Structures are given as C-alpha cells and as structure tokens.
C-alpha cells in the first residue's frame, strides 16, 4: 500500500486498464517533478507568474494521485496569481516539494522504474 500517494482515483478513471494506469504514472513522473522544480525556483525569486503557471498545471495530477498537499498547492497558485507580496509561502512550498519527492521515489519503487 503506497504511503505518499493513492491510486484509487487513478484506477477508477482507468476502469481496469492497467496500461492506462501505467501511462498516468508515467505522465506523473514526467511532468510533476519538472513543475515542482519550476516552483522551487520561482517562489524564492518572487516570480509570481511562473509560480502561478507551475502550480496551476500541477493541480489535476496532484489531486488525482491524492498526495495530500492540494491545499498547499492552491495557496502557492493563489500567491502567484494574486501577487500576494505580504504572504510567505515557503512552508507550503517545502511541504509540496517534500511530498512530490517522496511520491516520485515511491512510485519508482512500486512500479519498478
């Protein structure tokens, strides 16, 4: 049983098609770490636009795999979208990055990648 992510909604969406599950997992591994890196750079650089774009792109996948950090991702997205100069989102960023790193490592192990 995965510790950092859930496949319940992925499997429901796949409707028994394991190839589709593997395709979604592959998409997660290809896209989410890249977008997480964009956030890792954008937030300290106070690049609101880049942070918004990266967070917004990650939302469906983070939600689908149920990483448990959706609320933090929304805060990061809103920080960028509304250019919330008075808000410190470094804790939300760290929580998200840790969750993504843990999930990537666990998925690779679980799927033998």
C-alpha atoms as a PDB file:
ATOM      1  CA  UNK A   1       0.000   0.000   0.000  1.00  0.00           C
ATOM      2  CA  UNK A   2       1.529   3.308  -1.057  1.00  0.00           C
ATOM      3  CA  UNK A   3       2.355   5.696   1.750  1.00  0.00           C
ATOM      4  CA  UNK A   4       2.682   9.008  -0.107  1.00  0.00           C
ATOM      5  CA  UNK A   5       0.073   8.711  -2.839  1.00  0.00           C
ATOM      6  CA  UNK A   6      -3.132   6.864  -3.657  1.00  0.00           C
ATOM      7  CA  UNK A   7      -4.145   5.125  -6.855  1.00  0.00           C
ATOM      8  CA  UNK A   8      -7.850   4.754  -6.034  1.00  0.00           C
ATOM      9  CA  UNK A   9      -8.992   7.566  -8.316  1.00  0.00           C
ATOM     10  CA  UNK A  10      -6.408   6.655 -10.958  1.00  0.00           C
ATOM     11  CA  UNK A  11      -7.676   3.071 -11.069  1.00  0.00           C
ATOM     12  CA  UNK A  12     -11.294   4.274 -11.103  1.00  0.00           C
ATOM     13  CA  UNK A  13     -10.510   6.512 -14.050  1.00  0.00           C
ATOM     14  CA  UNK A  14      -8.663   3.656 -15.796  1.00  0.00           C
ATOM     15  CA  UNK A  15     -11.620   1.298 -15.333  1.00  0.00           C
ATOM     16  CA  UNK A  16      -9.419  -1.791 -15.119  1.00  0.00           C
ATOM     17  CA  UNK A  17      -6.989  -0.780 -17.869  1.00  0.00           C
ATOM     18  CA  UNK A  18      -3.551  -1.275 -16.278  1.00  0.00           C
ATOM     19  CA  UNK A  19      -1.803   0.178 -19.317  1.00  0.00           C
ATOM     20  CA  UNK A  20      -3.722   3.392 -18.733  1.00  0.00           C
ATOM     21  CA  UNK A  21      -2.685   3.357 -15.049  1.00  0.00           C
ATOM     22  CA  UNK A  22       0.936   2.986 -16.139  1.00  0.00           C
ATOM     23  CA  UNK A  23       0.510   5.825 -18.658  1.00  0.00           C
ATOM     24  CA  UNK A  24      -0.844   8.116 -15.923  1.00  0.00           C
ATOM     25  CA  UNK A  25       2.015   7.131 -13.629  1.00  0.00           C
ATOM     26  CA  UNK A  26       4.495   7.866 -16.433  1.00  0.00           C
ATOM     27  CA  UNK A  27       2.866  11.253 -17.008  1.00  0.00           C
ATOM     28  CA  UNK A  28       3.161  11.999 -13.287  1.00  0.00           C
ATOM     29  CA  UNK A  29       6.872  11.155 -13.325  1.00  0.00           C
ATOM     30  CA  UNK A  30       7.498  13.207 -16.469  1.00  0.00           C
ATOM     31  CA  UNK A  31       5.565  16.335 -15.571  1.00  0.00           C
ATOM     32  CA  UNK A  32       5.218  16.829 -11.825  1.00  0.00           C
ATOM     33  CA  UNK A  33       8.935  16.907 -10.906  1.00  0.00           C
ATOM     34  CA  UNK A  34       9.579  19.452 -13.678  1.00  0.00           C
ATOM     35  CA  UNK A  35       6.772  21.687 -12.441  1.00  0.00           C
ATOM     36  CA  UNK A  36       7.913  21.246  -8.833  1.00  0.00           C
ATOM     37  CA  UNK A  37      11.368  22.446  -9.888  1.00  0.00           C
ATOM     38  CA  UNK A  38       9.759  25.458 -11.561  1.00  0.00           C
ATOM     39  CA  UNK A  39       8.101  26.269  -8.226  1.00  0.00           C
ATOM     40  CA  UNK A  40      11.335  25.624  -6.304  1.00  0.00           C
ATOM     41  CA  UNK A  41      12.989  28.347  -8.393  1.00  0.00           C
ATOM     42  CA  UNK A  42      10.056  30.743  -8.865  1.00  0.00           C
ATOM     43  CA  UNK A  43       8.986  31.220  -5.253  1.00  0.00           C
ATOM     44  CA  UNK A  44      12.347  32.406  -3.848  1.00  0.00           C
ATOM     45  CA  UNK A  45      12.827  34.528  -6.989  1.00  0.00           C
ATOM     46  CA  UNK A  46       9.390  36.075  -6.371  1.00  0.00           C
ATOM     47  CA  UNK A  47       8.356  35.173  -9.899  1.00  0.00           C
ATOM     48  CA  UNK A  48       4.606  35.264  -9.406  1.00  0.00           C
ATOM     49  CA  UNK A  49       3.711  34.400 -12.983  1.00  0.00           C
ATOM     50  CA  UNK A  50       5.957  31.328 -13.159  1.00  0.00           C
ATOM     51  CA  UNK A  51       4.767  30.127  -9.739  1.00  0.00           C
ATOM     52  CA  UNK A  52       1.144  30.511 -10.779  1.00  0.00           C
ATOM     53  CA  UNK A  53       1.687  28.698 -14.078  1.00  0.00           C
ATOM     54  CA  UNK A  54       3.545  25.773 -12.488  1.00  0.00           C
ATOM     55  CA  UNK A  55       1.100  25.357  -9.601  1.00  0.00           C
ATOM     56  CA  UNK A  56      -1.923  25.607 -11.878  1.00  0.00           C
ATOM     57  CA  UNK A  57      -0.508  22.949 -14.208  1.00  0.00           C
ATOM     58  CA  UNK A  58       0.152  20.570 -11.291  1.00  0.00           C
ATOM     59  CA  UNK A  59      -3.332  20.768  -9.756  1.00  0.00           C
ATOM     60  CA  UNK A  60      -5.132  17.995 -11.662  1.00  0.00           C
ATOM     61  CA  UNK A  61      -2.316  15.481 -11.242  1.00  0.00           C
ATOM     62  CA  UNK A  62      -1.674  16.249  -7.568  1.00  0.00           C
ATOM     63  CA  UNK A  63      -5.413  15.910  -6.972  1.00  0.00           C
ATOM     64  CA  UNK A  64      -5.719  12.677  -8.975  1.00  0.00           C
ATOM     65  CA  UNK A  65      -2.854  10.972  -7.122  1.00  0.00           C
ATOM     66  CA  UNK A  66      -4.078  12.334  -3.761  1.00  0.00           C
ATOM     67  CA  UNK A  67      -0.719  13.466  -2.391  1.00  0.00           C
ATOM     68  CA  UNK A  68      -2.412  15.288   0.488  1.00  0.00           C
ATOM     69  CA  UNK A  69      -0.902  18.665  -0.419  1.00  0.00           C
ATOM     70  CA  UNK A  70      -3.645  20.075  -2.624  1.00  0.00           C
ATOM     71  CA  UNK A  71      -4.413  22.917  -0.198  1.00  0.00           C
ATOM     72  CA  UNK A  72      -0.754  23.976  -0.125  1.00  0.00           C
ATOM     73  CA  UNK A  73      -0.665  23.869  -3.918  1.00  0.00           C
ATOM     74  CA  UNK A  74      -3.719  26.141  -4.086  1.00  0.00           C
ATOM     75  CA  UNK A  75      -2.016  28.582  -1.699  1.00  0.00           C
ATOM     76  CA  UNK A  76       1.057  28.631  -3.945  1.00  0.00           C
ATOM     77  CA  UNK A  77      -1.107  29.126  -7.012  1.00  0.00           C
ATOM     78  CA  UNK A  78      -3.020  31.976  -5.393  1.00  0.00           C
ATOM     79  CA  UNK A  79       0.215  33.572  -4.154  1.00  0.00           C
ATOM     80  CA  UNK A  80       1.362  33.767  -7.747  1.00  0.00           C
ATOM     81  CA  UNK A  81      -1.977  34.647  -9.294  1.00  0.00           C
ATOM     82  CA  UNK A  82      -2.773  37.486  -6.904  1.00  0.00           C
ATOM     83  CA  UNK A  83       0.862  38.556  -6.346  1.00  0.00           C
ATOM     84  CA  UNK A  84       0.459  38.323  -2.578  1.00  0.00           C
ATOM     85  CA  UNK A  85       3.547  40.313  -1.608  1.00  0.00           C
ATOM     86  CA  UNK A  86       2.719  40.194   2.102  1.00  0.00           C
ATOM     87  CA  UNK A  87       2.433  36.381   2.236  1.00  0.00           C
ATOM     88  CA  UNK A  88       5.262  33.940   2.929  1.00  0.00           C
ATOM     89  CA  UNK A  89       4.595  30.634   1.162  1.00  0.00           C
ATOM     90  CA  UNK A  90       7.956  28.997   1.864  1.00  0.00           C
ATOM     91  CA  UNK A  91       6.435  26.415   4.239  1.00  0.00           C
ATOM     92  CA  UNK A  92       3.768  25.467   1.711  1.00  0.00           C
ATOM     93  CA  UNK A  93       6.467  25.167  -0.949  1.00  0.00           C
ATOM     94  CA  UNK A  94       8.615  22.912   1.228  1.00  0.00           C
ATOM     95  CA  UNK A  95       5.645  20.704   2.122  1.00  0.00           C
ATOM     96  CA  UNK A  96       4.736  20.344  -1.556  1.00  0.00           C
ATOM     97  CA  UNK A  97       8.309  19.641  -2.671  1.00  0.00           C
ATOM     98  CA  UNK A  98       8.768  17.003   0.015  1.00  0.00           C
ATOM     99  CA  UNK A  99       5.504  15.315  -0.961  1.00  0.00           C
ATOM    100  CA  UNK A 100       6.475  15.297  -4.643  1.00  0.00           C
ATOM    101  CA  UNK A 101       9.959  13.909  -3.910  1.00  0.00           C
ATOM    102  CA  UNK A 102       8.566  11.194  -1.642  1.00  0.00           C
ATOM    103  CA  UNK A 103       5.904  10.252  -4.181  1.00  0.00           C
ATOM    104  CA  UNK A 104       8.327  10.112  -7.104  1.00  0.00           C
ATOM    105  CA  UNK A 105      10.652   7.815  -5.159  1.00  0.00           C
ATOM    106  CA  UNK A 106       7.792   5.612  -4.000  1.00  0.00           C
ATOM    107  CA  UNK A 107       6.213   5.357  -7.467  1.00  0.00           C
ATOM    108  CA  UNK A 108       9.547   4.404  -8.998  1.00  0.00           C
ATOM    109  CA  UNK A 109       9.961   1.694  -6.385  1.00  0.00           C
ATOM    110  CA  UNK A 110       6.358   0.457  -6.640  1.00  0.00           C
ATOM    111  CA  UNK A 111       6.409   0.297 -10.446  1.00  0.00           C
ATOM    112  CA  UNK A 112       9.993  -0.935 -10.788  1.00  0.00           C
ATOM    113  CA  UNK A 113      11.147   2.156 -12.661  1.00  0.00           C
END
